[in-house]
C-alpha atoms as a PDB file:
ATOM      1  CA  UNK A   1      -5.142 -25.536  24.564  1.00  0.00           C
ATOM      2  CA  UNK A   2      -2.573 -23.118  26.046  1.00  0.00           C
ATOM      3  CA  UNK A   3      -3.156 -24.604  29.518  1.00  0.00           C
ATOM      4  CA  UNK A   4      -3.023 -28.176  28.208  1.00  0.00           C
ATOM      5  CA  UNK A   5       0.452 -27.520  26.747  1.00  0.00           C
ATOM      6  CA  UNK A   6       1.642 -25.412  29.735  1.00  0.00           C
ATOM      7  CA  UNK A   7       2.315 -22.303  27.651  1.00  0.00           C
ATOM      8  CA  UNK A   8       3.592 -19.562  29.992  1.00  0.00           C
ATOM      9  CA  UNK A   9       1.358 -16.488  30.010  1.00  0.00           C
ATOM     10  CA  UNK A  10       4.152 -14.244  28.700  1.00  0.00           C
ATOM     11  CA  UNK A  11       4.286 -16.424  25.553  1.00  0.00           C
ATOM     12  CA  UNK A  12       0.548 -16.347  24.798  1.00  0.00           C
ATOM     13  CA  UNK A  13      -0.278 -15.315  21.252  1.00  0.00           C
ATOM     14  CA  UNK A  14      -3.533 -14.681  19.457  1.00  0.00           C
ATOM     15  CA  UNK A  15      -3.742 -18.038  17.648  1.00  0.00           C
ATOM     16  CA  UNK A  16      -2.751 -21.562  18.678  1.00  0.00           C
ATOM     17  CA  UNK A  17      -2.218 -24.606  16.494  1.00  0.00           C
ATOM     18  CA  UNK A  18      -0.651 -28.035  16.870  1.00  0.00           C
ATOM     19  CA  UNK A  19       1.259 -29.659  14.014  1.00  0.00           C
ATOM     20  CA  UNK A  20       2.995 -33.033  14.416  1.00  0.00           C
ATOM     21  CA  UNK A  21       2.887 -32.759  18.231  1.00  0.00           C
ATOM     22  CA  UNK A  22       4.416 -29.235  18.238  1.00  0.00           C
ATOM     23  CA  UNK A  23       2.458 -26.219  19.432  1.00  0.00           C
ATOM     24  CA  UNK A  24       2.764 -22.943  17.523  1.00  0.00           C
ATOM     25  CA  UNK A  25       1.499 -19.870  19.316  1.00  0.00           C
ATOM     26  CA  UNK A  26       0.825 -16.574  17.542  1.00  0.00           C
ATOM     27  CA  UNK A  27       2.161 -15.382  14.193  1.00  0.00           C
ATOM     28  CA  UNK A  28       5.177 -17.717  13.901  1.00  0.00           C
ATOM     29  CA  UNK A  29       6.875 -17.362  10.481  1.00  0.00           C
ATOM     30  CA  UNK A  30       6.627 -20.438   8.265  1.00  0.00           C
ATOM     31  CA  UNK A  31      10.447 -20.676   8.103  1.00  0.00           C
ATOM     32  CA  UNK A  32      10.607 -21.345  11.843  1.00  0.00           C
ATOM     33  CA  UNK A  33       7.715 -23.820  11.704  1.00  0.00           C
ATOM     34  CA  UNK A  34       9.444 -25.741   8.901  1.00  0.00           C
ATOM     35  CA  UNK A  35      12.763 -25.795  10.795  1.00  0.00           C
ATOM     36  CA  UNK A  36      11.106 -27.293  13.886  1.00  0.00           C
ATOM     37  CA  UNK A  37       9.200 -29.907  11.892  1.00  0.00           C
ATOM     38  CA  UNK A  38      12.409 -30.932  10.087  1.00  0.00           C
ATOM     39  CA  UNK A  39      14.753 -30.892  13.125  1.00  0.00           C
ATOM     40  CA  UNK A  40      12.272 -32.299  15.680  1.00  0.00           C
ATOM     41  CA  UNK A  41      13.878 -30.658  18.752  1.00  0.00           C
ATOM     42  CA  UNK A  42      12.835 -31.596  22.298  1.00  0.00           C
ATOM     43  CA  UNK A  43      10.597 -28.568  22.850  1.00  0.00           C
ATOM     44  CA  UNK A  44       6.871 -27.998  23.189  1.00  0.00           C
ATOM     45  CA  UNK A  45       6.858 -25.486  20.358  1.00  0.00           C
ATOM     46  CA  UNK A  46       7.380 -21.876  19.307  1.00  0.00           C
ATOM     47  CA  UNK A  47       5.690 -18.582  20.103  1.00  0.00           C
ATOM     48  CA  UNK A  48       5.419 -15.041  18.823  1.00  0.00           C
ATOM     49  CA  UNK A  49       3.605 -13.450  21.774  1.00  0.00           C
ATOM     50  CA  UNK A  50       0.919 -10.823  21.313  1.00  0.00           C
ATOM     51  CA  UNK A  51      -0.008  -9.460  17.909  1.00  0.00           C
ATOM     52  CA  UNK A  52       3.096  -7.655  16.579  1.00  0.00           C
ATOM     53  CA  UNK A  53       2.464  -5.281  13.670  1.00  0.00           C
ATOM     54  CA  UNK A  54       3.978  -6.438  10.399  1.00  0.00           C
ATOM     55  CA  UNK A  55       4.318 -10.077  11.476  1.00  0.00           C
ATOM     56  CA  UNK A  56       3.051 -12.748   9.050  1.00  0.00           C
ATOM     57  CA  UNK A  57      -0.708 -12.290   8.699  1.00  0.00           C
ATOM     58  CA  UNK A  58      -0.776  -8.944  10.531  1.00  0.00           C
ATOM     59  CA  UNK A  59      -1.277  -5.591   8.881  1.00  0.00           C
ATOM     60  CA  UNK A  60       0.880  -2.585   9.566  1.00  0.00           C
ATOM     61  CA  UNK A  61       4.523  -1.797   9.186  1.00  0.00           C
ATOM     62  CA  UNK A  62       7.043  -4.092  10.840  1.00  0.00           C
ATOM     63  CA  UNK A  63       8.803  -2.389  13.760  1.00  0.00           C
ATOM     64  CA  UNK A  64      12.167  -3.992  14.329  1.00  0.00           C
ATOM     65  CA  UNK A  65      13.053  -7.677  14.316  1.00  0.00           C
ATOM     66  CA  UNK A  66      10.410 -10.316  14.995  1.00  0.00           C
ATOM     67  CA  UNK A  67      11.577 -12.621  17.784  1.00  0.00           C
ATOM     68  CA  UNK A  68      10.344 -16.221  17.889  1.00  0.00           C
ATOM     69  CA  UNK A  69      10.570 -17.804  21.345  1.00  0.00           C
ATOM     70  CA  UNK A  70      10.975 -21.429  22.425  1.00  0.00           C
ATOM     71  CA  UNK A  71       8.197 -22.959  24.494  1.00  0.00           C
ATOM     72  CA  UNK A  72      10.453 -25.208  26.551  1.00  0.00           C
ATOM     73  CA  UNK A  73       9.581 -28.637  27.898  1.00  0.00           C
ATOM     74  CA  UNK A  74      10.834 -27.516  31.326  1.00  0.00           C
ATOM     75  CA  UNK A  75       9.877 -24.111  32.779  1.00  0.00           C
ATOM     76  CA  UNK A  76      12.571 -21.426  32.559  1.00  0.00           C
ATOM     77  CA  UNK A  77      12.991 -17.972  34.094  1.00  0.00           C
ATOM     78  CA  UNK A  78      13.108 -16.365  30.671  1.00  0.00           C
ATOM     79  CA  UNK A  79      12.321 -17.967  27.319  1.00  0.00           C
ATOM     80  CA  UNK A  80      15.084 -18.573  24.786  1.00  0.00           C
ATOM     81  CA  UNK A  81      14.914 -16.908  21.396  1.00  0.00           C
ATOM     82  CA  UNK A  82      14.653 -19.542  18.660  1.00  0.00           C
ATOM     83  CA  UNK A  83      14.976 -17.179  15.690  1.00  0.00           C
ATOM     84  CA  UNK A  84      14.851 -13.533  14.700  1.00  0.00           C
ATOM     85  CA  UNK A  85      13.162 -12.551  11.444  1.00  0.00           C
END
């Protein structure tokens, strides 16, 4: 699914889902998912790469802010941060 949606390797997460034509990669907080579904921006989706401790659904203590990245429709040199939780 990651290849089908052209998710850059640096944005790969541990889980992938598609909701209303948007791809969500990794442990994306529900607040960010809801914002995208309401606003319907022109993006592929959102990603929380890897498996950060303390992120939604992950055990362990959170270490610093959780950054949610945009999976852009057009490739970029570095992904934009959509939100910080």
